[in-house]
C-alpha cells in the first residue's frame, strides 16, 4: 500500500491548514483507494477505484479518487456557507 495526500484547507495566518491522507493500492491496471487494513473504500455501494490508462500516474489518480471520496463523504458546512475572514478595517 502507498499513501496519497490532498490539501483540504490552505494555510492562512496562524492556521497551518489541513491535509487529508489515505492509502491506495494498484492491482493490475486499477487504482483502489483503501483504508489502513486494505479494505476498498466505498460510498453508496460505489467503490473508489479507476482503471489506469497508458501514461497515467497511479499516485495522481489516487489523489483524484481521494478528492472524490472526501467530497462524497464529508459532512458539515460546504465552502459556500463558510465563515469569511476579512482584514480589520482601517479608517
PDB file of N, CA and C in Angstrom:
ATOM      1  N   UNK A   1       0.846  -1.183   0.000  1.00  0.00           N
ATOM      2  CA  UNK A   1       0.000   0.000   0.000  1.00  0.00           C
ATOM      3  C   UNK A   1       0.889   1.243   0.000  1.00  0.00           C
ATOM      4  N   UNK A   2       0.409   2.242  -0.696  1.00  0.00           N
ATOM      5  CA  UNK A   2       1.089   3.530  -0.738  1.00  0.00           C
ATOM      6  C   UNK A   2       0.162   4.590  -0.150  1.00  0.00           C
ATOM      7  N   UNK A   3       0.694   5.793   0.039  1.00  0.00           N
ATOM      8  CA  UNK A   3      -0.074   6.883   0.646  1.00  0.00           C
ATOM      9  C   UNK A   3      -0.191   8.036  -0.342  1.00  0.00           C
ATOM     10  N   UNK A   4      -1.379   8.652  -0.368  1.00  0.00           N
ATOM     11  CA  UNK A   4      -1.593   9.876  -1.129  1.00  0.00           C
ATOM     12  C   UNK A   4      -2.181  10.923  -0.190  1.00  0.00           C
ATOM     13  N   UNK A   5      -1.959  12.179  -0.520  1.00  0.00           N
ATOM     14  CA  UNK A   5      -2.433  13.292   0.315  1.00  0.00           C
ATOM     15  C   UNK A   5      -3.081  14.360  -0.557  1.00  0.00           C
ATOM     16  N   UNK A   6      -4.098  15.035   0.017  1.00  0.00           N
ATOM     17  CA  UNK A   6      -4.693  16.203  -0.630  1.00  0.00           C
ATOM     18  C   UNK A   6      -4.826  17.305   0.409  1.00  0.00           C
ATOM     19  N   UNK A   7      -4.739  18.530  -0.040  1.00  0.00           N
ATOM     20  CA  UNK A   7      -4.953  19.679   0.836  1.00  0.00           C
ATOM     21  C   UNK A   7      -6.447  19.972   0.878  1.00  0.00           C
ATOM     22  N   UNK A   8      -7.007  20.061   2.094  1.00  0.00           N
ATOM     23  CA  UNK A   8      -8.432  20.371   2.196  1.00  0.00           C
ATOM     24  C   UNK A   8      -8.676  21.740   2.819  1.00  0.00           C
ATOM     25  N   UNK A   9      -7.615  22.342   3.357  1.00  0.00           N
ATOM     26  CA  UNK A   9      -7.706  23.734   3.825  1.00  0.00           C
ATOM     27  C   UNK A   9      -6.319  24.350   3.691  1.00  0.00           C
ATOM     28  N   UNK A  10      -6.253  25.466   2.978  1.00  0.00           N
ATOM     29  CA  UNK A  10      -4.968  26.134   2.748  1.00  0.00           C
ATOM     30  C   UNK A  10      -4.502  26.843   4.015  1.00  0.00           C
ATOM     31  N   UNK A  11      -3.190  26.945   4.225  1.00  0.00           N
ATOM     32  CA  UNK A  11      -2.684  27.695   5.369  1.00  0.00           C
ATOM     33  C   UNK A  11      -2.987  29.183   5.217  1.00  0.00           C
ATOM     34  N   UNK A  12      -3.275  29.821   6.350  1.00  0.00           N
ATOM     35  CA  UNK A  12      -3.560  31.255   6.325  1.00  0.00           C
ATOM     36  C   UNK A  12      -3.286  31.821   7.713  1.00  0.00           C
ATOM     37  N   UNK A  13      -2.434  32.808   7.786  1.00  0.00           N
ATOM     38  CA  UNK A  13      -2.109  33.408   9.075  1.00  0.00           C
ATOM     39  C   UNK A  13      -1.497  32.384  10.014  1.00  0.00           C
ATOM     40  N   UNK A  14      -2.100  32.229  11.190  1.00  0.00           N
ATOM     41  CA  UNK A  14      -1.614  31.251  12.165  1.00  0.00           C
ATOM     42  C   UNK A  14      -2.176  29.851  11.939  1.00  0.00           C
ATOM     43  N   UNK A  15      -3.092  29.705  11.001  1.00  0.00           N
ATOM     44  CA  UNK A  15      -3.695  28.407  10.698  1.00  0.00           C
ATOM     45  C   UNK A  15      -2.767  27.649   9.751  1.00  0.00           C
ATOM     46  N   UNK A  16      -2.259  26.477  10.151  1.00  0.00           N
ATOM     47  CA  UNK A  16      -1.347  25.727   9.278  1.00  0.00           C
ATOM     48  C   UNK A  16      -2.048  25.027   8.110  1.00  0.00           C
ATOM     49  N   UNK A  17      -3.381  25.084   8.064  1.00  0.00           N
ATOM     50  CA  UNK A  17      -4.123  24.395   7.018  1.00  0.00           C
ATOM     51  C   UNK A  17      -4.412  22.962   7.424  1.00  0.00           C
ATOM     52  N   UNK A  18      -4.893  22.168   6.467  1.00  0.00           N
ATOM     53  CA  UNK A  18      -5.236  20.783   6.771  1.00  0.00           C
ATOM     54  C   UNK A  18      -5.009  19.911   5.534  1.00  0.00           C
ATOM     55  N   UNK A  19      -4.447  18.735   5.784  1.00  0.00           N
ATOM     56  CA  UNK A  19      -4.172  17.771   4.727  1.00  0.00           C
ATOM     57  C   UNK A  19      -4.867  16.467   5.088  1.00  0.00           C
ATOM     58  N   UNK A  20      -5.446  15.799   4.090  1.00  0.00           N
ATOM     59  CA  UNK A  20      -6.081  14.505   4.290  1.00  0.00           C
ATOM     60  C   UNK A  20      -5.195  13.448   3.653  1.00  0.00           C
ATOM     61  N   UNK A  21      -4.982  12.362   4.366  1.00  0.00           N
ATOM     62  CA  UNK A  21      -4.079  11.308   3.915  1.00  0.00           C
ATOM     63  C   UNK A  21      -4.817   9.980   3.902  1.00  0.00           C
ATOM     64  N   UNK A  22      -4.652   9.214   2.813  1.00  0.00           N
ATOM     65  CA  UNK A  22      -5.268   7.896   2.704  1.00  0.00           C
ATOM     66  C   UNK A  22      -4.326   6.955   1.962  1.00  0.00           C
ATOM     67  N   UNK A  23      -4.603   5.677   2.121  1.00  0.00           N
ATOM     68  CA  UNK A  23      -3.829   4.649   1.435  1.00  0.00           C
ATOM     69  C   UNK A  23      -4.479   4.310   0.102  1.00  0.00           C
ATOM     70  N   UNK A  24      -3.656   3.825  -0.813  1.00  0.00           N
ATOM     71  CA  UNK A  24      -4.167   3.291  -2.067  1.00  0.00           C
ATOM     72  C   UNK A  24      -3.288   2.129  -2.489  1.00  0.00           C
ATOM     73  N   UNK A  25      -3.845   1.298  -3.351  1.00  0.00           N
ATOM     74  CA  UNK A  25      -3.046   0.213  -3.913  1.00  0.00           C
ATOM     75  C   UNK A  25      -3.422   0.023  -5.369  1.00  0.00           C
ATOM     76  N   UNK A  26      -2.467  -0.479  -6.118  1.00  0.00           N
ATOM     77  CA  UNK A  26      -2.665  -0.749  -7.533  1.00  0.00           C
ATOM     78  C   UNK A  26      -2.697  -2.257  -7.711  1.00  0.00           C
ATOM     79  N   UNK A  27      -3.798  -2.737  -8.253  1.00  0.00           N
ATOM     80  CA  UNK A  27      -3.933  -4.163  -8.554  1.00  0.00           C
ATOM     81  C   UNK A  27      -4.169  -4.281 -10.047  1.00  0.00           C
ATOM     82  N   UNK A  28      -3.215  -4.903 -10.727  1.00  0.00           N
ATOM     83  CA  UNK A  28      -3.294  -4.992 -12.183  1.00  0.00           C
ATOM     84  C   UNK A  28      -3.172  -3.600 -12.773  1.00  0.00           C
ATOM     85  N   UNK A  29      -4.213  -3.155 -13.462  1.00  0.00           N
ATOM     86  CA  UNK A  29      -4.204  -1.819 -14.060  1.00  0.00           C
ATOM     87  C   UNK A  29      -5.249  -0.902 -13.427  1.00  0.00           C
ATOM     88  N   UNK A  30      -5.593  -1.179 -12.162  1.00  0.00           N
ATOM     89  CA  UNK A  30      -6.625  -0.398 -11.463  1.00  0.00           C
ATOM     90  C   UNK A  30      -6.098   0.125 -10.140  1.00  0.00           C
ATOM     91  N   UNK A  31      -6.394   1.395  -9.850  1.00  0.00           N
ATOM     92  CA  UNK A  31      -6.037   2.025  -8.578  1.00  0.00           C
ATOM     93  C   UNK A  31      -7.252   1.951  -7.664  1.00  0.00           C
ATOM     94  N   UNK A  32      -7.040   1.490  -6.427  1.00  0.00           N
ATOM     95  CA  UNK A  32      -8.096   1.396  -5.422  1.00  0.00           C
ATOM     96  C   UNK A  32      -7.731   2.259  -4.225  1.00  0.00           C
ATOM     97  N   UNK A  33      -8.660   3.082  -3.751  1.00  0.00           N
ATOM     98  CA  UNK A  33      -8.487   3.819  -2.507  1.00  0.00           C
ATOM     99  C   UNK A  33      -8.894   2.876  -1.385  1.00  0.00           C
ATOM    100  N   UNK A  34      -8.016   2.691  -0.378  1.00  0.00           N
ATOM    101  CA  UNK A  34      -8.266   1.704   0.671  1.00  0.00           C
ATOM    102  C   UNK A  34      -8.055   2.316   2.047  1.00  0.00           C
ATOM    103  N   UNK A  35      -8.611   1.649   3.073  1.00  0.00           N
ATOM    104  CA  UNK A  35      -8.357   2.065   4.446  1.00  0.00           C
ATOM    105  C   UNK A  35      -7.049   1.435   4.923  1.00  0.00           C
ATOM    106  N   UNK A  36      -6.715   1.640   6.207  1.00  0.00           N
ATOM    107  CA  UNK A  36      -5.451   1.169   6.760  1.00  0.00           C
ATOM    108  C   UNK A  36      -5.317  -0.349   6.711  1.00  0.00           C
ATOM    109  N   UNK A  37      -6.435  -1.058   6.731  1.00  0.00           N
ATOM    110  CA  UNK A  37      -6.391  -2.524   6.705  1.00  0.00           C
ATOM    111  C   UNK A  37      -6.400  -3.083   5.281  1.00  0.00           C
ATOM    112  N   UNK A  38      -6.523  -2.214   4.276  1.00  0.00           N
ATOM    113  CA  UNK A  38      -6.517  -2.660   2.884  1.00  0.00           C
ATOM    114  C   UNK A  38      -7.886  -2.854   2.274  1.00  0.00           C
ATOM    115  N   UNK A  39      -8.944  -2.545   3.046  1.00  0.00           N
ATOM    116  CA  UNK A  39     -10.314  -2.675   2.536  1.00  0.00           C
ATOM    117  C   UNK A  39     -10.632  -1.496   1.618  1.00  0.00           C
ATOM    118  N   UNK A  40     -11.203  -1.786   0.453  1.00  0.00           N
ATOM    119  CA  UNK A  40     -11.525  -0.749  -0.529  1.00  0.00           C
ATOM    120  C   UNK A  40     -12.600   0.180   0.020  1.00  0.00           C
ATOM    121  N   UNK A  41     -12.364   1.496  -0.083  1.00  0.00           N
ATOM    122  CA  UNK A  41     -13.337   2.486   0.379  1.00  0.00           C
ATOM    123  C   UNK A  41     -14.480   2.595  -0.618  1.00  0.00           C
ATOM    124  N   UNK A  42     -15.695   2.745  -0.093  1.00  0.00           N
ATOM    125  CA  UNK A  42     -16.880   2.860  -0.940  1.00  0.00           C
ATOM    126  C   UNK A  42     -17.876   3.816  -0.305  1.00  0.00           C
ATOM    127  N   UNK A  43     -18.744   4.369  -1.118  1.00  0.00           N
ATOM    128  CA  UNK A  43     -19.822   5.236  -0.660  1.00  0.00           C
ATOM    129  C   UNK A  43     -21.041   4.916  -1.510  1.00  0.00           C
ATOM    130  N   UNK A  44     -22.148   4.629  -0.858  1.00  0.00           N
ATOM    131  CA  UNK A  44     -23.386   4.247  -1.551  1.00  0.00           C
ATOM    132  C   UNK A  44     -23.152   3.079  -2.506  1.00  0.00           C
ATOM    133  N   UNK A  45     -22.317   2.133  -2.082  1.00  0.00           N
ATOM    134  CA  UNK A  45     -22.068   0.940  -2.871  1.00  0.00           C
ATOM    135  C   UNK A  45     -21.074   1.115  -4.015  1.00  0.00           C
ATOM    136  N   UNK A  46     -20.632   2.343  -4.257  1.00  0.00           N
ATOM    137  CA  UNK A  46     -19.676   2.604  -5.330  1.00  0.00           C
ATOM    138  C   UNK A  46     -18.262   2.620  -4.761  1.00  0.00           C
ATOM    139  N   UNK A  47     -17.405   1.760  -5.304  1.00  0.00           N
ATOM    140  CA  UNK A  47     -16.019   1.716  -4.871  1.00  0.00           C
ATOM    141  C   UNK A  47     -15.248   2.881  -5.480  1.00  0.00           C
ATOM    142  N   UNK A  48     -14.280   3.374  -4.731  1.00  0.00           N
ATOM    143  CA  UNK A  48     -13.430   4.444  -5.233  1.00  0.00           C
ATOM    144  C   UNK A  48     -12.223   3.804  -5.897  1.00  0.00           C
ATOM    145  N   UNK A  49     -12.368   3.564  -7.200  1.00  0.00           N
ATOM    146  CA  UNK A  49     -11.315   2.934  -7.988  1.00  0.00           C
ATOM    147  C   UNK A  49     -11.391   3.477  -9.409  1.00  0.00           C
ATOM    148  N   UNK A  50     -10.266   3.354 -10.106  1.00  0.00           N
ATOM    149  CA  UNK A  50     -10.243   3.794 -11.501  1.00  0.00           C
ATOM    150  C   UNK A  50      -9.184   3.001 -12.257  1.00  0.00           C
ATOM    151  N   UNK A  51      -9.556   2.601 -13.436  1.00  0.00           N
ATOM    152  CA  UNK A  51      -8.625   1.882 -14.305  1.00  0.00           C
ATOM    153  C   UNK A  51      -7.609   2.872 -14.861  1.00  0.00           C
ATOM    154  N   UNK A  52      -6.348   2.475 -14.857  1.00  0.00           N
ATOM    155  CA  UNK A  52      -5.283   3.324 -15.379  1.00  0.00           C
ATOM    156  C   UNK A  52      -5.241   3.258 -16.899  1.00  0.00           C
ATOM    157  N   UNK A  53      -5.070   4.404 -17.508  1.00  0.00           N
ATOM    158  CA  UNK A  53      -4.819   4.477 -18.940  1.00  0.00           C
ATOM    159  C   UNK A  53      -3.312   4.570 -19.147  1.00  0.00           C
ATOM    160  N   UNK A  54      -2.871   4.345 -20.350  1.00  0.00           N
ATOM    161  CA  UNK A  54      -1.439   4.429 -20.634  1.00  0.00           C
ATOM    162  C   UNK A  54      -0.927   5.834 -20.298  1.00  0.00           C
ATOM    163  N   UNK A  55       0.157   5.896 -19.545  1.00  0.00           N
ATOM    164  CA  UNK A  55       0.753   7.177 -19.168  1.00  0.00           C
ATOM    165  C   UNK A  55       0.211   7.773 -17.886  1.00  0.00           C
ATOM    166  N   UNK A  56      -0.827   7.192 -17.284  1.00  0.00           N
ATOM    167  CA  UNK A  56      -1.379   7.707 -16.024  1.00  0.00           C
ATOM    168  C   UNK A  56      -0.406   7.472 -14.880  1.00  0.00           C
ATOM    169  N   UNK A  57      -0.360   8.415 -13.966  1.00  0.00           N
ATOM    170  CA  UNK A  57       0.434   8.291 -12.756  1.00  0.00           C
ATOM    171  C   UNK A  57      -0.490   7.754 -11.663  1.00  0.00           C
ATOM    172  N   UNK A  58      -0.228   6.564 -11.109  1.00  0.00           N
ATOM    173  CA  UNK A  58      -1.128   5.986 -10.101  1.00  0.00           C
ATOM    174  C   UNK A  58      -1.340   6.880  -8.877  1.00  0.00           C
ATOM    175  N   UNK A  59      -0.293   7.577  -8.433  1.00  0.00           N
ATOM    176  CA  UNK A  59      -0.434   8.445  -7.255  1.00  0.00           C
ATOM    177  C   UNK A  59      -1.346   9.631  -7.559  1.00  0.00           C
ATOM    178  N   UNK A  60      -1.250  10.167  -8.758  1.00  0.00           N
ATOM    179  CA  UNK A  60      -2.124  11.279  -9.154  1.00  0.00           C
ATOM    180  C   UNK A  60      -3.574  10.811  -9.254  1.00  0.00           C
ATOM    181  N   UNK A  61      -3.790   9.637  -9.817  1.00  0.00           N
ATOM    182  CA  UNK A  61      -5.142   9.076  -9.906  1.00  0.00           C
ATOM    183  C   UNK A  61      -5.693   8.840  -8.501  1.00  0.00           C
ATOM    184  N   UNK A  62      -4.846   8.330  -7.587  1.00  0.00           N
ATOM    185  CA  UNK A  62      -5.275   8.105  -6.204  1.00  0.00           C
ATOM    186  C   UNK A  62      -5.668   9.418  -5.534  1.00  0.00           C
ATOM    187  N   UNK A  63      -4.922  10.495  -5.812  1.00  0.00           N
ATOM    188  CA  UNK A  63      -5.267  11.808  -5.251  1.00  0.00           C
ATOM    189  C   UNK A  63      -6.618  12.285  -5.759  1.00  0.00           C
ATOM    190  N   UNK A  64      -6.900  12.055  -7.036  1.00  0.00           N
ATOM    191  CA  UNK A  64      -8.199  12.428  -7.600  1.00  0.00           C
ATOM    192  C   UNK A  64      -9.319  11.613  -6.960  1.00  0.00           C
ATOM    193  N   UNK A  65      -9.066  10.320  -6.748  1.00  0.00           N
ATOM    194  CA  UNK A  65     -10.058   9.472  -6.080  1.00  0.00           C
ATOM    195  C   UNK A  65     -10.285   9.939  -4.645  1.00  0.00           C
ATOM    196  N   UNK A  66      -9.210  10.333  -3.960  1.00  0.00           N
ATOM    197  CA  UNK A  66      -9.341  10.818  -2.586  1.00  0.00           C
ATOM    198  C   UNK A  66     -10.166  12.094  -2.539  1.00  0.00           C
ATOM    199  N   UNK A  67      -9.979  12.990  -3.498  1.00  0.00           N
ATOM    200  CA  UNK A  67     -10.788  14.220  -3.559  1.00  0.00           C
ATOM    201  C   UNK A  67     -12.260  13.864  -3.771  1.00  0.00           C
ATOM    202  N   UNK A  68     -12.543  12.910  -4.656  1.00  0.00           N
ATOM    203  CA  UNK A  68     -13.925  12.471  -4.881  1.00  0.00           C
ATOM    204  C   UNK A  68     -14.504  11.860  -3.609  1.00  0.00           C
ATOM    205  N   UNK A  69     -13.724  11.029  -2.928  1.00  0.00           N
ATOM    206  CA  UNK A  69     -14.187  10.396  -1.684  1.00  0.00           C
ATOM    207  C   UNK A  69     -14.462  11.456  -0.617  1.00  0.00           C
ATOM    208  N   UNK A  70     -13.570  12.407  -0.473  1.00  0.00           N
ATOM    209  CA  UNK A  70     -13.744  13.480   0.512  1.00  0.00           C
ATOM    210  C   UNK A  70     -15.022  14.264   0.214  1.00  0.00           C
ATOM    211  N   UNK A  71     -15.226  14.644  -1.031  1.00  0.00           N
ATOM    212  CA  UNK A  71     -16.424  15.416  -1.392  1.00  0.00           C
ATOM    213  C   UNK A  71     -17.703  14.604  -1.221  1.00  0.00           C
ATOM    214  N   UNK A  72     -17.636  13.294  -1.452  1.00  0.00           N
ATOM    215  CA  UNK A  72     -18.826  12.445  -1.348  1.00  0.00           C
ATOM    216  C   UNK A  72     -19.197  12.120   0.091  1.00  0.00           C
ATOM    217  N   UNK A  73     -18.224  12.129   1.001  1.00  0.00           N
ATOM    218  CA  UNK A  73     -18.496  11.654   2.355  1.00  0.00           C
ATOM    219  C   UNK A  73     -18.390  12.718   3.436  1.00  0.00           C
ATOM    220  N   UNK A  74     -17.961  13.909   3.108  1.00  0.00           N
ATOM    221  CA  UNK A  74     -17.798  14.911   4.173  1.00  0.00           C
ATOM    222  C   UNK A  74     -19.156  15.430   4.641  1.00  0.00           C
ATOM    223  N   UNK A  75     -19.161  15.875   5.885  1.00  0.00           N
ATOM    224  CA  UNK A  75     -20.364  16.447   6.476  1.00  0.00           C
ATOM    225  C   UNK A  75     -20.045  17.855   6.944  1.00  0.00           C
ATOM    226  N   UNK A  76     -21.050  18.572   7.332  1.00  0.00           N
ATOM    227  CA  UNK A  76     -20.841  19.927   7.821  1.00  0.00           C
ATOM    228  C   UNK A  76     -21.027  20.941   6.713  1.00  0.00           C
ATOM    229  N   UNK A  77     -20.736  22.199   7.025  1.00  0.00           N
ATOM    230  CA  UNK A  77     -20.957  23.260   6.045  1.00  0.00           C
ATOM    231  C   UNK A  77     -20.040  23.108   4.840  1.00  0.00           C
ATOM    232  N   UNK A  78     -20.559  23.437   3.676  1.00  0.00           N
ATOM    233  CA  UNK A  78     -19.767  23.435   2.444  1.00  0.00           C
ATOM    234  C   UNK A  78     -19.067  24.786   2.320  1.00  0.00           C
ATOM    235  N   UNK A  79     -18.223  24.914   1.346  1.00  0.00           N
ATOM    236  CA  UNK A  79     -17.441  26.140   1.188  1.00  0.00           C
ATOM    237  C   UNK A  79     -18.298  27.385   1.009  1.00  0.00           C
ATOM    238  N   UNK A  80     -19.453  27.260   0.366  1.00  0.00           N
ATOM    239  CA  UNK A  80     -20.271  28.437   0.107  1.00  0.00           C
ATOM    240  C   UNK A  80     -20.716  29.113   1.398  1.00  0.00           C
ATOM    241  N   UNK A  81     -21.016  28.339   2.427  1.00  0.00           N
ATOM    242  CA  UNK A  81     -21.523  28.889   3.676  1.00  0.00           C
ATOM    243  C   UNK A  81     -20.445  29.049   4.743  1.00  0.00           C
ATOM    244  N   UNK A  82     -19.179  28.974   4.354  1.00  0.00           N
ATOM    245  CA  UNK A  82     -18.090  29.070   5.317  1.00  0.00           C
ATOM    246  C   UNK A  82     -17.977  30.493   5.854  1.00  0.00           C
ATOM    247  N   UNK A  83     -17.442  30.643   7.061  1.00  0.00           N
ATOM    248  CA  UNK A  83     -17.169  31.988   7.565  1.00  0.00           C
ATOM    249  C   UNK A  83     -16.092  32.650   6.710  1.00  0.00           C
ATOM    250  N   UNK A  84     -16.241  33.929   6.455  1.00  0.00           N
ATOM    251  CA  UNK A  84     -15.263  34.663   5.659  1.00  0.00           C
ATOM    252  C   UNK A  84     -14.450  35.542   6.598  1.00  0.00           C
ATOM    253  N   UNK A  85     -13.140  35.447   6.478  1.00  0.00           N
ATOM    254  CA  UNK A  85     -12.244  36.269   7.303  1.00  0.00           C
ATOM    255  C   UNK A  85     -11.883  37.526   6.533  1.00  0.00           C
ATOM    256  N   UNK A  86     -12.251  38.665   7.094  1.00  0.00           N
ATOM    257  CA  UNK A  86     -11.903  39.944   6.486  1.00  0.00           C
ATOM    258  C   UNK A  86     -10.787  40.573   7.304  1.00  0.00           C
ATOM    259  N   UNK A  87      -9.883  41.294   6.665  1.00  0.00           N
ATOM    260  CA  UNK A  87      -8.863  42.019   7.432  1.00  0.00           C
ATOM    261  C   UNK A  87      -9.531  43.145   8.202  1.00  0.00           C
ATOM    262  N   UNK A  88      -8.919  43.566   9.322  1.00  0.00           N
ATOM    263  CA  UNK A  88      -9.506  44.663  10.089  1.00  0.00           C
ATOM    264  C   UNK A  88      -9.629  45.928   9.224  1.00  0.00           C
ATOM    265  N   UNK A  89     -10.723  46.639   9.427  1.00  0.00           N
ATOM    266  CA  UNK A  89     -10.930  47.885   8.694  1.00  0.00           C
ATOM    267  C   UNK A  89     -10.090  48.996   9.309  1.00  0.00           C
ATOM    268  N   UNK A  90      -9.465  49.800   8.471  1.00  0.00           N
ATOM    269  CA  UNK A  90      -8.668  50.934   8.945  1.00  0.00           C
ATOM    270  C   UNK A  90      -9.283  52.214   8.384  1.00  0.00           C
ATOM    271  N   UNK A  91      -9.533  53.159   9.272  1.00  0.00           N
ATOM    272  CA  UNK A  91     -10.126  54.422   8.848  1.00  0.00           C
ATOM    273  C   UNK A  91      -9.117  55.516   8.880  1.00  0.00           C
TER     274      UNK A  91
END
